[in-house]
Amino acid sequence: MSEEQNVERRIDPEVHLGTTVVDAVSEATGVPVSQMDSELNQCVDPDALDDLFSDRFDGTPRQGGQLLFSILGCSVQVHGDGRVVVTPE
């Protein structure tokens, strides 16, 4: 994949959000997923990330909001509308 291309994924409520982020960063950088767990933990708490963007207690989806962080030379944007966008810097 070209370094200048964004990788975009949709948040799947059945998949841990940290897994979605790691998969997208792996695709953007070529770094194997197996080498990225500790990298994600150094940037953001994966469980807190999942909790922040999961459905509310009454089952309604959260809307709005955005979290931005960097990992392995990529900018990661997690959007409340269900998108994860990874941009190589």
C-alpha atoms as a PDB file:
ATOM      1  CA  MET A   1       0.000   0.000   0.000  1.00  0.00           C
ATOM      2  CA  SER A   2       1.260   3.486  -0.811  1.00  0.00           C
ATOM      3  CA  GLU A   3       2.431   5.492   2.186  1.00  0.00           C
ATOM      4  CA  GLU A   4       0.239   8.390   1.100  1.00  0.00           C
ATOM      5  CA  GLN A   5      -3.051   6.509   1.232  1.00  0.00           C
ATOM      6  CA  ASN A   6      -5.407   6.596   4.181  1.00  0.00           C
ATOM      7  CA  VAL A   7      -6.804   3.369   5.541  1.00  0.00           C
ATOM      8  CA  GLU A   8     -10.412   3.610   6.650  1.00  0.00           C
ATOM      9  CA  ARG A   9     -12.394   1.023   8.581  1.00  0.00           C
ATOM     10  CA  ARG A  10     -15.878   0.924  10.071  1.00  0.00           C
ATOM     11  CA  ILE A  11     -16.285   0.191  13.761  1.00  0.00           C
ATOM     12  CA  ASP A  12     -17.835  -3.243  14.192  1.00  0.00           C
ATOM     13  CA  PRO A  13     -19.598  -3.575  17.554  1.00  0.00           C
ATOM     14  CA  GLU A  14     -18.716  -7.290  17.565  1.00  0.00           C
ATOM     15  CA  VAL A  15     -14.953  -6.565  17.310  1.00  0.00           C
ATOM     16  CA  HIS A  16     -12.863  -4.842  19.983  1.00  0.00           C
ATOM     17  CA  LEU A  17     -12.075  -1.333  18.724  1.00  0.00           C
ATOM     18  CA  GLY A  18      -8.389  -1.785  19.549  1.00  0.00           C
ATOM     19  CA  THR A  19      -8.312  -4.712  17.132  1.00  0.00           C
ATOM     20  CA  THR A  20      -9.831  -2.560  14.393  1.00  0.00           C
ATOM     21  CA  VAL A  21      -7.245   0.163  15.024  1.00  0.00           C
ATOM     22  CA  VAL A  22      -4.323  -2.301  15.036  1.00  0.00           C
ATOM     23  CA  ASP A  23      -5.524  -3.939  11.807  1.00  0.00           C
ATOM     24  CA  ALA A  24      -5.823  -0.564  10.055  1.00  0.00           C
ATOM     25  CA  VAL A  25      -2.400   0.626  11.273  1.00  0.00           C
ATOM     26  CA  SER A  26      -0.892  -2.685  10.164  1.00  0.00           C
ATOM     27  CA  GLU A  27      -2.340  -2.203   6.696  1.00  0.00           C
ATOM     28  CA  ALA A  28      -1.060   1.394   6.524  1.00  0.00           C
ATOM     29  CA  THR A  29       2.466   0.597   7.741  1.00  0.00           C
ATOM     30  CA  GLY A  30       3.105  -3.008   6.776  1.00  0.00           C
ATOM     31  CA  VAL A  31       4.029  -3.800  10.399  1.00  0.00           C
ATOM     32  CA  PRO A  32       2.602  -7.195  11.397  1.00  0.00           C
ATOM     33  CA  VAL A  33      -0.282  -7.105  13.869  1.00  0.00           C
ATOM     34  CA  SER A  34       1.670  -9.428  16.176  1.00  0.00           C
ATOM     35  CA  GLN A  35       4.236  -6.658  16.715  1.00  0.00           C
ATOM     36  CA  MET A  36       1.746  -3.891  17.486  1.00  0.00           C
ATOM     37  CA  ASP A  37      -0.090  -4.795  20.715  1.00  0.00           C
ATOM     38  CA  SER A  38       2.490  -3.128  22.943  1.00  0.00           C
ATOM     39  CA  GLU A  39       2.594  -0.110  20.620  1.00  0.00           C
ATOM     40  CA  LEU A  40      -1.153   0.470  21.015  1.00  0.00           C
ATOM     41  CA  ASN A  41      -0.940   0.087  24.789  1.00  0.00           C
ATOM     42  CA  GLN A  42       1.721   2.813  24.901  1.00  0.00           C
ATOM     43  CA  CYS A  43      -0.559   5.245  23.041  1.00  0.00           C
ATOM     44  CA  VAL A  44      -4.021   4.585  24.412  1.00  0.00           C
ATOM     45  CA  ASP A  45      -5.792   2.200  26.780  1.00  0.00           C
ATOM     46  CA  PRO A  46      -7.531  -0.223  24.373  1.00  0.00           C
ATOM     47  CA  ASP A  47     -10.339  -1.019  26.835  1.00  0.00           C
ATOM     48  CA  ALA A  48     -11.013   2.669  27.492  1.00  0.00           C
ATOM     49  CA  LEU A  49     -11.038   3.274  23.727  1.00  0.00           C
ATOM     50  CA  ASP A  50     -13.603   0.517  23.277  1.00  0.00           C
ATOM     51  CA  ASP A  51     -15.745   1.858  26.138  1.00  0.00           C
ATOM     52  CA  LEU A  52     -15.599   5.410  24.808  1.00  0.00           C
ATOM     53  CA  PHE A  53     -17.067   4.488  21.424  1.00  0.00           C
ATOM     54  CA  SER A  54     -19.359   1.591  22.366  1.00  0.00           C
ATOM     55  CA  ASP A  55     -23.139   1.945  22.520  1.00  0.00           C
ATOM     56  CA  ARG A  56     -24.651   3.644  25.544  1.00  0.00           C
ATOM     57  CA  PHE A  57     -26.024   1.566  28.405  1.00  0.00           C
ATOM     58  CA  ASP A  58     -29.542   1.796  26.917  1.00  0.00           C
ATOM     59  CA  GLY A  59     -28.254   0.352  23.607  1.00  0.00           C
ATOM     60  CA  THR A  60     -28.385   3.566  21.585  1.00  0.00           C
ATOM     61  CA  PRO A  61     -25.298   4.364  19.541  1.00  0.00           C
ATOM     62  CA  ARG A  62     -23.029   7.198  20.549  1.00  0.00           C
ATOM     63  CA  GLN A  63     -22.797  10.002  18.031  1.00  0.00           C
ATOM     64  CA  GLY A  64     -20.281  12.753  17.520  1.00  0.00           C
ATOM     65  CA  GLY A  65     -16.937  12.977  19.169  1.00  0.00           C
ATOM     66  CA  GLN A  66     -13.501  12.146  17.888  1.00  0.00           C
ATOM     67  CA  LEU A  67     -10.274  10.852  19.360  1.00  0.00           C
ATOM     68  CA  LEU A  68      -6.949  11.546  17.671  1.00  0.00           C
ATOM     69  CA  PHE A  69      -3.622   9.904  18.537  1.00  0.00           C
ATOM     70  CA  SER A  70      -0.382   8.834  16.844  1.00  0.00           C
ATOM     71  CA  ILE A  71       1.102   5.360  16.578  1.00  0.00           C
ATOM     72  CA  LEU A  72       4.006   4.056  14.472  1.00  0.00           C
ATOM     73  CA  GLY A  73       4.218   7.224  12.410  1.00  0.00           C
ATOM     74  CA  CYS A  74       0.490   7.317  11.683  1.00  0.00           C
ATOM     75  CA  SER A  75      -2.262   9.642  12.760  1.00  0.00           C
ATOM     76  CA  VAL A  76      -5.298   7.662  13.967  1.00  0.00           C
ATOM     77  CA  GLN A  77      -8.725   9.269  14.067  1.00  0.00           C
ATOM     78  CA  VAL A  78     -11.582   7.419  15.725  1.00  0.00           C
ATOM     79  CA  HIS A  79     -14.903   9.088  14.948  1.00  0.00           C
ATOM     80  CA  GLY A  80     -18.182   8.800  16.795  1.00  0.00           C
ATOM     81  CA  ASP A  81     -19.915   8.139  13.476  1.00  0.00           C
ATOM     82  CA  GLY A  82     -18.216   4.731  13.316  1.00  0.00           C
ATOM     83  CA  ARG A  83     -15.104   5.434  11.252  1.00  0.00           C
ATOM     84  CA  VAL A  84     -11.466   4.713  12.020  1.00  0.00           C
ATOM     85  CA  VAL A  85      -9.093   6.604   9.710  1.00  0.00           C
ATOM     86  CA  VAL A  86      -5.341   5.947   9.714  1.00  0.00           C
ATOM     87  CA  THR A  87      -3.139   8.439   7.872  1.00  0.00           C
ATOM     88  CA  PRO A  88       0.599   7.812   7.484  1.00  0.00           C
ATOM     89  CA  GLU A  89       2.416  10.981   8.552  1.00  0.00           C
END
